[in-house]
């Protein structure tokens, strides 16, 4: 049997045993939250930078288109890339310059498409103009753009989302553009008025395939490991310190059995449980016979060794984990037997008496027995026992009966059961 019954030991130190795990759990939460916010900040920063680029491109495109529209569209030479726009229905779309070079007018939509193609060819971010009401089918919206345009019709002014496709990871951003007076030159025949939503400009800003989160992750892993080791070490030392203090508060230094304080605490718990649930409870009060003469004859150092040997025999002779023996004081011990009736307790007491006698510890000269013996009083819980002290007093009285009847005996609290 251990120093404590399992239940009592758990109640005494459960929080201390859980302390290292609690410390590591708290540290994990702290580092985890820090990592979350750092990664979130990194992703937010990536998003904000990409969004700022997209908004700048949209604004630049809107300004360029407005400049183009206000000037009626610039003329550029016709070449393999720039052909006359078949969807621009104006009389002065084309003319021949005095040097014989054919010229064609570039309207805002045509200009935006060519600029987008140049940007895409350079591997930069791309943008395009699109609408749900098209003149040029080449500007037809894709699924994401169509969704954005439909949201614009519901009152939205822009839409954004980080997506991944066959071209990699990028920020999609789309902003509506409204009809201005200069736009009506080309689009008055479509029924637009100034301030109407004409369509939108979409921008795709390339992002790195893997966000820059490896550095904060590795930093926090190192922080977690180093801090966890330190916390674990500190918590373990704290637990060890607690165990030492707990043992000093509950363990008798000499016999290494529970001391009087912890013994009576356990006795009180078992007494209340037995009264509440109606199960039997017995106690044994044990006293070493002629111990004062043993000390006087052999000395206190030998007396301490005798106490230690008797305590060890009593502790090892109890078989059930729920049985508890402790040092009550001096040469007196108390055994608490949960769920044991009087007849069973008497048998256990007799086993303890025999076990001590069989150790053949030399007794002092002039006593009845040549070896050290013990006297034991037994009492079991009765309905009239109002508190643990009443039960203890009956067992203590029985122990003195065993003493006066010749020692090295077991006695119950009734003379009829004296052995």
Protein backbone atom coordinates (compact mmCIF):
# COMPACT_ATOMS: atom_id res chain seq x y z
CA UNK A 1 0.00 0.00 0.00
CA UNK A 2 1.25 3.51 -0.74
CA UNK A 3 1.63 6.33 1.74
CA UNK A 4 -1.82 7.61 0.88
CA UNK A 5 -4.95 6.01 -0.47
CA UNK A 6 -5.20 6.90 -4.15
CA UNK A 7 -8.11 9.28 -3.68
CA UNK A 8 -6.46 11.28 -0.93
CA UNK A 9 -3.15 11.61 -2.78
CA UNK A 10 -4.96 12.86 -5.87
CA UNK A 11 -6.88 15.46 -3.90
CA UNK A 12 -3.68 16.62 -2.29
CA UNK A 13 -1.59 17.23 -5.41
CA UNK A 14 -3.76 17.06 -8.54
CA UNK A 15 -3.37 20.75 -9.31
CA UNK A 16 0.39 20.58 -8.85
CA UNK A 17 0.67 17.57 -11.15
CA UNK A 18 -1.36 19.44 -13.76
CA UNK A 19 0.75 22.60 -13.39
CA UNK A 20 3.33 21.78 -16.12
CA UNK A 21 0.58 20.92 -18.57
CA UNK A 22 -1.34 24.05 -17.62
CA UNK A 23 1.77 26.19 -18.15
CA UNK A 24 2.46 24.62 -21.54
CA UNK A 25 -1.20 25.02 -22.53
CA UNK A 26 -1.13 28.72 -21.61
CA UNK A 27 2.16 29.22 -23.46
CA UNK A 28 0.73 27.42 -26.49
CA UNK A 29 -2.28 29.75 -26.47
CA UNK A 30 -0.07 32.83 -26.17
CA UNK A 31 2.30 31.78 -28.95
CA UNK A 32 -0.59 30.52 -31.08
CA UNK A 33 -2.44 33.84 -30.78
CA UNK A 34 0.74 35.75 -31.52
CA UNK A 35 1.38 33.58 -34.58
CA UNK A 36 -2.20 34.02 -35.74
CA UNK A 37 -2.03 37.80 -35.49
CA UNK A 38 1.41 37.93 -37.14
CA UNK A 39 0.30 35.73 -40.04
CA UNK A 40 -2.94 37.71 -40.26
CA UNK A 41 -0.93 40.95 -40.35
CA UNK A 42 1.35 39.54 -43.06
CA UNK A 43 -1.60 38.48 -45.19
CA UNK A 44 -3.40 41.77 -44.57
CA UNK A 45 -0.27 43.70 -45.56
CA UNK A 46 0.04 41.66 -48.77
CA UNK A 47 -3.63 42.29 -49.51
CA UNK A 48 -3.45 46.00 -48.72
CA UNK A 49 -0.40 46.50 -50.94
CA UNK A 50 -2.02 44.62 -53.81
CA UNK A 51 -5.27 46.50 -53.35
CA UNK A 52 -3.44 49.83 -53.35
CA UNK A 53 -1.82 48.88 -56.67
CA UNK A 54 -5.15 47.84 -58.13
CA UNK A 55 -6.88 51.04 -57.03
CA UNK A 56 -4.03 53.11 -58.46
CA UNK A 57 -4.30 51.31 -61.82
CA UNK A 58 -8.06 51.82 -61.91
CA UNK A 59 -7.75 55.48 -61.07
CA UNK A 60 -5.01 55.97 -63.64
CA UNK A 61 -7.12 54.16 -66.23
CA UNK A 62 -10.15 56.28 -65.46
CA UNK A 63 -8.11 59.47 -65.80
CA UNK A 64 -6.56 58.25 -69.07
CA UNK A 65 -9.96 57.31 -70.47
CA UNK A 66 -11.41 60.66 -69.41
CA UNK A 67 -8.53 62.50 -71.07
CA UNK A 68 -9.06 60.43 -74.21
CA UNK A 69 -12.81 61.07 -74.25
CA UNK A 70 -12.49 64.81 -73.64
CA UNK A 71 -10.11 65.12 -76.58
CA UNK A 72 -12.30 63.11 -78.87
CA UNK A 73 -9.76 60.31 -79.14
CA UNK A 74 -6.19 60.66 -80.42
CA UNK A 75 -5.10 59.48 -83.88
CA UNK A 76 -2.31 56.93 -84.25
CA UNK A 77 -0.73 55.31 -87.30
CA UNK A 78 -2.35 52.11 -88.54
CA UNK A 79 -0.03 49.09 -88.25
CA UNK A 80 -0.21 45.35 -87.69
CA UNK A 81 -1.14 45.83 -84.03
CA UNK A 82 -3.36 48.83 -84.30
CA UNK A 83 -6.08 48.42 -86.88
CA UNK A 84 -9.15 50.63 -87.29
CA UNK A 85 -11.73 49.83 -84.62
CA UNK A 86 -14.79 48.38 -86.43
CA UNK A 87 -16.95 49.13 -83.38
CA UNK A 88 -16.22 52.84 -83.40
CA UNK A 89 -19.01 54.32 -85.53
CA UNK A 90 -17.90 57.90 -86.20
CA UNK A 91 -17.35 59.65 -89.54
CA UNK A 92 -13.82 60.83 -88.77
CA UNK A 93 -12.49 57.48 -87.54
CA UNK A 94 -9.81 57.27 -90.29
CA UNK A 95 -7.81 59.64 -92.45
CA UNK A 96 -4.51 59.79 -94.31
CA UNK A 97 -1.81 62.08 -93.04
CA UNK A 98 -0.05 64.48 -95.47
CA UNK A 99 2.96 62.17 -95.50
CA UNK A 100 0.70 59.36 -96.73
CA UNK A 101 0.55 57.44 -93.42
CA UNK A 102 -2.94 56.03 -92.68
CA UNK A 103 -4.25 57.20 -89.29
CA UNK A 104 -7.07 55.84 -87.10
CA UNK A 105 -8.83 57.19 -84.03
CA UNK A 106 -8.30 55.42 -80.69
CA UNK A 107 -11.37 55.66 -78.48
CA UNK A 108 -11.10 55.07 -74.67
CA UNK A 109 -12.20 51.41 -74.75
CA UNK A 110 -9.76 50.56 -77.55
CA UNK A 111 -6.99 52.37 -75.69
CA UNK A 112 -7.69 50.47 -72.46
CA UNK A 113 -7.61 47.12 -74.25
CA UNK A 114 -4.28 47.86 -75.92
CA UNK A 115 -2.75 49.08 -72.65
CA UNK A 116 -3.94 45.91 -70.90
CA UNK A 117 -2.37 43.75 -73.62
CA UNK A 118 0.92 45.60 -73.23
CA UNK A 119 0.84 45.12 -69.46
CA UNK A 120 0.09 41.42 -69.80
CA UNK A 121 2.95 41.01 -72.27
CA UNK A 122 5.37 42.51 -69.76
CA UNK A 123 4.23 40.12 -67.00
CA UNK A 124 2.81 42.97 -64.96
CA UNK A 125 -0.62 43.26 -63.44
CA UNK A 126 -3.44 43.22 -65.99
CA UNK A 127 -6.61 45.21 -66.31
CA UNK A 128 -9.51 45.35 -68.72
CA UNK A 129 -12.70 47.24 -69.37
CA UNK A 130 -15.93 45.30 -69.58
CA UNK A 131 -19.66 45.78 -69.38
CA UNK A 132 -22.95 43.91 -69.47
CA UNK A 133 -23.93 46.13 -72.43
CA UNK A 134 -21.16 45.71 -75.01
CA UNK A 135 -20.32 47.00 -78.42
CA UNK A 136 -17.12 44.96 -78.79
CA UNK A 137 -17.59 41.23 -77.95
CA UNK A 138 -13.84 41.00 -77.22
CA UNK A 139 -14.58 42.93 -74.02
CA UNK A 140 -17.13 40.37 -72.78
CA UNK A 141 -16.87 39.79 -69.00
CA UNK A 142 -15.62 36.55 -67.50
CA UNK A 143 -17.47 34.89 -64.63
CA UNK A 144 -15.83 36.95 -61.90
CA UNK A 145 -16.31 40.18 -63.79
CA UNK A 146 -19.96 39.33 -64.52
CA UNK A 147 -20.56 38.71 -60.82
CA UNK A 148 -19.00 42.09 -60.01
CA UNK A 149 -21.05 43.90 -62.64
CA UNK A 150 -24.23 42.37 -61.29
CA UNK A 151 -23.26 43.60 -57.82
CA UNK A 152 -22.71 47.10 -59.25
CA UNK A 153 -26.30 47.06 -60.48
CA UNK A 154 -27.33 46.35 -56.86
CA UNK A 155 -25.48 49.42 -55.60
CA UNK A 156 -21.96 48.12 -55.02
CA UNK A 157 -19.10 50.35 -56.15
CA UNK A 158 -16.27 47.78 -56.15
CA UNK A 159 -15.51 44.12 -55.47
CA UNK A 160 -12.34 42.27 -54.52
CA UNK A 161 -11.20 38.72 -53.83
CA UNK A 162 -7.91 36.77 -53.62
CA UNK A 163 -8.20 33.82 -55.98
CA UNK A 164 -6.02 31.11 -57.45
CA UNK A 165 -6.32 29.82 -60.99
CA UNK A 166 -4.17 28.33 -63.73
CA UNK A 167 -2.14 31.55 -63.81
CA UNK A 168 -1.33 31.43 -60.12
CA UNK A 169 -2.46 33.39 -57.12
CA UNK A 170 -3.61 36.98 -57.52
CA UNK A 171 -5.90 39.70 -56.23
CA UNK A 172 -8.95 40.34 -58.36
CA UNK A 173 -10.31 43.87 -58.03
CA UNK A 174 -13.04 45.54 -60.01
CA UNK A 175 -14.39 49.05 -59.77
CA UNK A 176 -17.39 50.52 -61.51
CA UNK A 177 -17.06 53.51 -63.78
CA UNK A 178 -19.80 56.00 -64.41
CA UNK A 179 -20.80 57.76 -67.61
CA UNK A 180 -19.37 61.26 -67.91
CA UNK A 181 -20.40 63.84 -70.54
CA UNK A 182 -17.43 62.98 -72.73
CA UNK A 183 -18.52 59.32 -72.81
CA UNK A 184 -21.79 60.15 -74.56
CA UNK A 185 -19.96 60.79 -77.81
CA UNK A 186 -19.72 57.03 -78.30
CA UNK A 187 -22.46 55.70 -76.05
CA UNK A 188 -25.41 58.09 -76.34
CA UNK A 189 -27.07 55.70 -78.80
CA UNK A 190 -27.14 53.03 -76.04
CA UNK A 191 -29.42 55.13 -73.89
CA UNK A 192 -26.91 56.12 -71.21
CA UNK A 193 -27.12 59.33 -69.22
CA UNK A 194 -24.46 61.10 -67.21
CA UNK A 195 -23.94 59.31 -63.85
CA UNK A 196 -25.14 55.89 -65.07
CA UNK A 197 -22.95 52.84 -64.43
CA UNK A 198 -21.38 52.06 -67.80
CA UNK A 199 -19.45 49.00 -66.67
CA UNK A 200 -16.30 48.29 -64.72
CA UNK A 201 -12.54 48.08 -64.84
CA UNK A 202 -11.10 44.84 -63.51
CA UNK A 203 -7.53 44.45 -62.30
CA UNK A 204 -5.53 41.30 -61.52
CA UNK A 205 -2.52 41.89 -59.30
CA UNK A 206 -0.10 38.92 -59.24
CA UNK A 207 0.71 37.58 -55.76
CA UNK A 208 3.37 35.15 -54.65
CA UNK A 209 2.22 31.56 -54.81
CA UNK A 210 3.09 31.18 -51.12
CA UNK A 211 2.42 34.16 -48.81
CA UNK A 212 5.43 35.41 -46.85
CA UNK A 213 4.42 33.61 -43.67
CA UNK A 214 7.33 31.19 -43.33
CA UNK A 215 9.42 33.65 -41.33
CA UNK A 216 6.79 34.35 -38.62
CA UNK A 217 5.96 30.64 -38.47
CA UNK A 218 9.58 29.62 -37.95
CA UNK A 219 10.12 32.44 -35.45
CA UNK A 220 7.12 31.37 -33.42
CA UNK A 221 8.06 27.70 -33.57
CA UNK A 222 11.47 28.58 -32.11
CA UNK A 223 9.79 30.84 -29.54
CA UNK A 224 7.33 28.10 -28.60
CA UNK A 225 10.02 25.45 -28.19
CA UNK A 226 12.41 27.60 -26.18
CA UNK A 227 9.69 29.12 -24.02
CA UNK A 228 7.96 25.78 -23.60
CA UNK A 229 11.17 24.16 -22.39
CA UNK A 230 11.78 26.96 -19.89
CA UNK A 231 8.18 26.94 -18.70
CA UNK A 232 8.13 23.17 -18.45
CA UNK A 233 11.32 23.23 -16.40
CA UNK A 234 10.00 25.98 -14.13
CA UNK A 235 6.63 24.27 -13.71
CA UNK A 236 8.30 20.95 -12.94
CA UNK A 237 10.47 22.58 -10.30
CA UNK A 238 7.39 24.28 -8.87
CA UNK A 239 5.56 20.95 -8.77
CA UNK A 240 8.52 19.30 -7.10
CA UNK A 241 8.67 22.10 -4.54
CA UNK A 242 4.95 21.71 -3.92
CA UNK A 243 5.34 17.97 -3.47
CA UNK A 244 8.13 18.51 -0.97
CA UNK A 245 6.07 21.06 0.97
CA UNK A 246 3.00 18.84 0.72
CA UNK A 247 4.95 15.89 2.08
CA UNK A 248 6.32 17.97 4.93
CA UNK A 249 2.78 19.06 5.79
CA UNK A 250 1.24 15.59 5.58
CA UNK A 251 4.02 13.03 6.16
CA UNK A 252 5.63 12.12 9.46
CA UNK A 253 9.36 12.69 9.04
CA UNK A 254 10.41 9.70 11.12
CA UNK A 255 8.08 6.90 9.98
CA UNK A 256 7.22 8.26 6.50
CA UNK A 257 3.57 7.49 7.25
CA UNK A 258 0.79 10.10 7.11
CA UNK A 259 1.07 12.41 10.09
CA UNK A 260 -1.69 13.12 12.57
CA UNK A 261 -3.09 16.04 10.61
CA UNK A 262 -3.51 14.22 7.30
CA UNK A 263 -4.59 11.04 9.10
CA UNK A 264 -7.46 12.77 10.89
CA UNK A 265 -8.41 14.58 7.68
CA UNK A 266 -8.77 11.25 5.91
CA UNK A 267 -10.57 9.75 8.90
CA UNK A 268 -13.11 12.60 8.83
CA UNK A 269 -13.77 12.10 5.12
CA UNK A 270 -14.29 8.35 5.52
CA UNK A 271 -16.51 8.88 8.57
CA UNK A 272 -18.79 11.29 6.69
CA UNK A 273 -18.92 8.96 3.68
CA UNK A 274 -19.82 5.95 5.84
CA UNK A 275 -22.59 7.86 7.64
CA UNK A 276 -23.97 9.24 4.38
CA UNK A 277 -23.94 5.98 2.39
CA UNK A 278 -24.42 3.49 5.20
CA UNK A 279 -21.31 1.38 4.57
CA UNK A 280 -19.20 -0.05 7.43
CA UNK A 281 -16.14 1.69 8.82
CA UNK A 282 -13.68 0.45 11.42
CA UNK A 283 -10.65 1.96 13.10
CA UNK A 284 -7.70 0.44 14.93
CA UNK A 285 -5.76 2.27 17.63
CA UNK A 286 -2.29 0.68 18.01
CA UNK A 287 0.26 1.27 20.72
CA UNK A 288 3.75 -0.24 21.03
CA UNK A 289 3.97 -2.06 24.33
CA UNK A 290 6.49 -0.82 26.91
CA UNK A 291 7.97 1.68 24.50
CA UNK A 292 9.09 4.10 27.24
CA UNK A 293 11.18 1.33 28.79
CA UNK A 294 12.54 0.51 25.32
CA UNK A 295 13.77 4.10 24.95
CA UNK A 296 15.20 4.15 28.44
CA UNK A 297 17.03 0.86 27.88
CA UNK A 298 18.29 1.21 24.29
CA UNK A 299 18.25 4.99 23.83
CA UNK A 300 16.17 7.29 21.71
CA UNK A 301 18.06 6.54 18.51
CA UNK A 302 17.21 2.86 18.81
CA UNK A 303 13.69 3.87 19.76
CA UNK A 304 13.36 5.80 16.50
CA UNK A 305 14.56 2.77 14.57
CA UNK A 306 12.00 0.61 16.38
CA UNK A 307 9.24 3.06 15.44
CA UNK A 308 10.36 3.01 11.81
CA UNK A 309 10.40 -0.78 11.68
CA UNK A 310 6.96 -1.14 13.28
CA UNK A 311 5.54 1.53 10.95
CA UNK A 312 6.94 -0.26 7.91
CA UNK A 313 5.43 -3.59 9.02
CA UNK A 314 2.01 -2.03 9.61
CA UNK A 315 2.08 -0.24 6.26
CA UNK A 316 3.15 -3.31 4.29
CA UNK A 317 0.67 -5.60 6.06
CA UNK A 318 -2.38 -3.65 4.89
CA UNK A 319 -3.48 -5.04 1.54
CA UNK A 320 -6.20 -2.75 0.24
CA UNK A 321 -5.39 0.67 -1.28
CA UNK A 322 -8.28 2.20 0.66
CA UNK A 323 -6.82 1.18 4.06
CA UNK A 324 -4.73 3.85 5.72
CA UNK A 325 -2.26 3.69 8.58
CA UNK A 326 -0.63 6.76 10.06
CA UNK A 327 1.31 7.89 13.09
CA UNK A 328 -1.12 9.38 15.57
CA UNK A 329 1.57 10.49 17.98
CA UNK A 330 4.51 9.12 19.97
CA UNK A 331 4.38 5.33 19.72
CA UNK A 332 0.69 5.28 18.78
CA UNK A 333 -0.71 4.54 15.31
CA UNK A 334 -4.19 4.77 13.82
CA UNK A 335 -5.57 2.53 11.06
CA UNK A 336 -8.71 3.55 9.14
CA UNK A 337 -10.48 0.61 7.42
CA UNK A 338 -13.13 1.77 4.96
CA UNK A 339 -15.90 -0.73 4.11
CA UNK A 340 -14.70 -3.11 6.84
CA UNK A 341 -17.06 -4.43 9.54
CA UNK A 342 -15.98 -5.35 13.08
CA UNK A 343 -15.27 -9.03 12.44
CA UNK A 344 -13.09 -8.24 9.40
CA UNK A 345 -11.36 -5.46 11.33
CA UNK A 346 -10.58 -7.85 14.17
CA UNK A 347 -8.92 -10.28 11.76
CA UNK A 348 -6.85 -7.48 10.19
CA UNK A 349 -5.82 -6.29 13.66
CA UNK A 350 -4.73 -9.81 14.60
CA UNK A 351 -2.68 -10.03 11.39
CA UNK A 352 -0.96 -6.75 12.25
CA UNK A 353 -0.20 -7.90 15.82
CA UNK A 354 1.27 -11.15 14.55
CA UNK A 355 3.30 -9.38 11.84
CA UNK A 356 4.95 -7.08 14.38
CA UNK A 357 5.65 -9.90 16.83
CA UNK A 358 7.23 -12.01 14.07
CA UNK A 359 9.83 -9.31 13.43
CA UNK A 360 11.47 -10.43 16.70
CA UNK A 361 12.67 -6.95 17.61
CA UNK A 362 14.50 -7.37 20.90
CA UNK A 363 12.50 -6.01 23.84
CA UNK A 364 14.10 -4.31 26.85
CA UNK A 365 14.92 -6.37 29.92
CA UNK A 366 12.27 -6.77 32.57
CA UNK A 367 9.18 -6.85 30.34
CA UNK A 368 6.81 -9.76 29.79
CA UNK A 369 7.68 -10.47 26.12
CA UNK A 370 11.23 -10.99 24.84
CA UNK A 371 10.30 -9.17 21.59
CA UNK A 372 8.55 -5.89 20.83
CA UNK A 373 4.75 -6.28 20.64
CA UNK A 374 1.75 -4.08 20.08
CA UNK A 375 -1.69 -3.77 21.65
CA UNK A 376 -4.64 -2.93 19.40
CA UNK A 377 -8.10 -1.56 20.08
CA UNK A 378 -10.83 -2.06 17.49
CA UNK A 379 -14.12 -0.21 17.02
CA UNK A 380 -16.60 -0.05 14.18
CA UNK A 381 -19.03 2.72 13.34
CA UNK A 382 -22.27 2.65 15.30
CA UNK A 383 -25.43 4.74 14.84
CA UNK A 384 -24.80 6.59 18.11
CA UNK A 385 -21.34 7.81 16.97
CA UNK A 386 -21.97 11.50 16.45
CA UNK A 387 -18.52 12.33 15.14
CA UNK A 388 -15.13 10.75 14.33
CA UNK A 389 -13.91 11.45 17.87
CA UNK A 390 -16.59 9.22 19.36
CA UNK A 391 -15.49 6.31 17.17
CA UNK A 392 -11.84 6.97 17.93
CA UNK A 393 -12.46 7.15 21.69
CA UNK A 394 -14.13 3.73 21.66
CA UNK A 395 -11.19 2.21 19.80
CA UNK A 396 -8.77 3.96 22.18
CA UNK A 397 -10.64 2.58 25.18
CA UNK A 398 -10.46 -0.89 23.67
CA UNK A 399 -6.70 -0.49 23.19
CA UNK A 400 -6.27 0.26 26.90
CA UNK A 401 -8.37 -2.81 27.66
CA UNK A 402 -5.84 -4.86 25.66
CA UNK A 403 -3.03 -3.22 27.65
CA UNK A 404 -4.56 -3.95 31.04
CA UNK A 405 -5.36 -7.50 29.99
CA UNK A 406 -1.72 -8.40 29.43
CA UNK A 407 -0.61 -6.51 26.30
CA UNK A 408 0.23 -8.07 22.90
CA UNK A 409 -3.51 -8.44 22.37
CA UNK A 410 -6.39 -7.23 20.20
CA UNK A 411 -9.51 -5.94 21.93
CA UNK A 412 -12.81 -4.61 20.66
CA UNK A 413 -14.74 -1.82 22.33
CA UNK A 414 -16.91 -4.48 23.99
CA UNK A 415 -15.38 -6.78 26.67
CA UNK A 416 -17.32 -9.70 25.15
CA UNK A 417 -15.06 -9.70 22.06
CA UNK A 418 -11.74 -9.44 23.89
CA UNK A 419 -9.05 -11.71 22.43
